[in-house]
């Protein structure tokens, strides 16, 4: 996915797609929670 040319303004951003993929992994869920907390808390 990262190899394919993706526009920064496109809804399917590399970062967004990566987050979804990690959701499948048991540890990925925890990572997503941490990322959300970092985004919510400066």
Protein backbone atom coordinates (compact mmCIF):
# COMPACT_ATOMS: atom_id res chain seq x y z
CA UNK A 1 0.00 0.00 0.00
CA UNK A 2 2.81 2.39 0.94
CA UNK A 3 4.52 1.64 -2.39
CA UNK A 4 1.48 2.81 -4.39
CA UNK A 5 1.30 6.57 -5.11
CA UNK A 6 -1.25 8.05 -2.71
CA UNK A 7 -2.33 11.69 -2.59
CA UNK A 8 -2.07 13.34 0.88
CA UNK A 9 -5.57 14.72 0.42
CA UNK A 10 -6.97 11.30 -0.50
CA UNK A 11 -9.27 9.68 2.12
CA UNK A 12 -7.19 6.48 1.96
CA UNK A 13 -4.03 7.92 3.43
CA UNK A 14 -1.09 5.52 4.14
CA UNK A 15 -1.32 6.29 7.88
CA UNK A 16 -5.04 5.60 8.00
CA UNK A 17 -4.69 2.33 6.12
CA UNK A 18 -1.85 1.21 8.39
CA UNK A 19 -3.94 1.84 11.49
CA UNK A 20 -6.74 -0.33 10.17
CA UNK A 21 -4.31 -3.16 9.42
CA UNK A 22 -2.90 -3.08 12.95
CA UNK A 23 -6.45 -3.37 14.28
CA UNK A 24 -6.37 -7.03 13.20
CA UNK A 25 -3.44 -7.76 15.53
CA UNK A 26 -4.12 -8.19 19.28
CA UNK A 27 -1.30 -5.79 20.12
CA UNK A 28 -2.38 -3.42 17.36
CA UNK A 29 -5.56 -2.54 19.26
CA UNK A 30 -3.53 -1.31 22.22
CA UNK A 31 -1.34 0.72 19.87
CA UNK A 32 -4.44 2.34 18.37
CA UNK A 33 -5.69 3.23 21.86
CA UNK A 34 -2.32 4.85 22.62
CA UNK A 35 -2.40 6.78 19.35
CA UNK A 36 -5.93 8.01 20.06
CA UNK A 37 -4.91 9.15 23.55
CA UNK A 38 -1.90 10.96 22.09
CA UNK A 39 -4.14 12.71 19.57
CA UNK A 40 -6.72 13.62 22.21
CA UNK A 41 -4.12 14.64 24.79
CA UNK A 42 -1.45 17.09 23.53
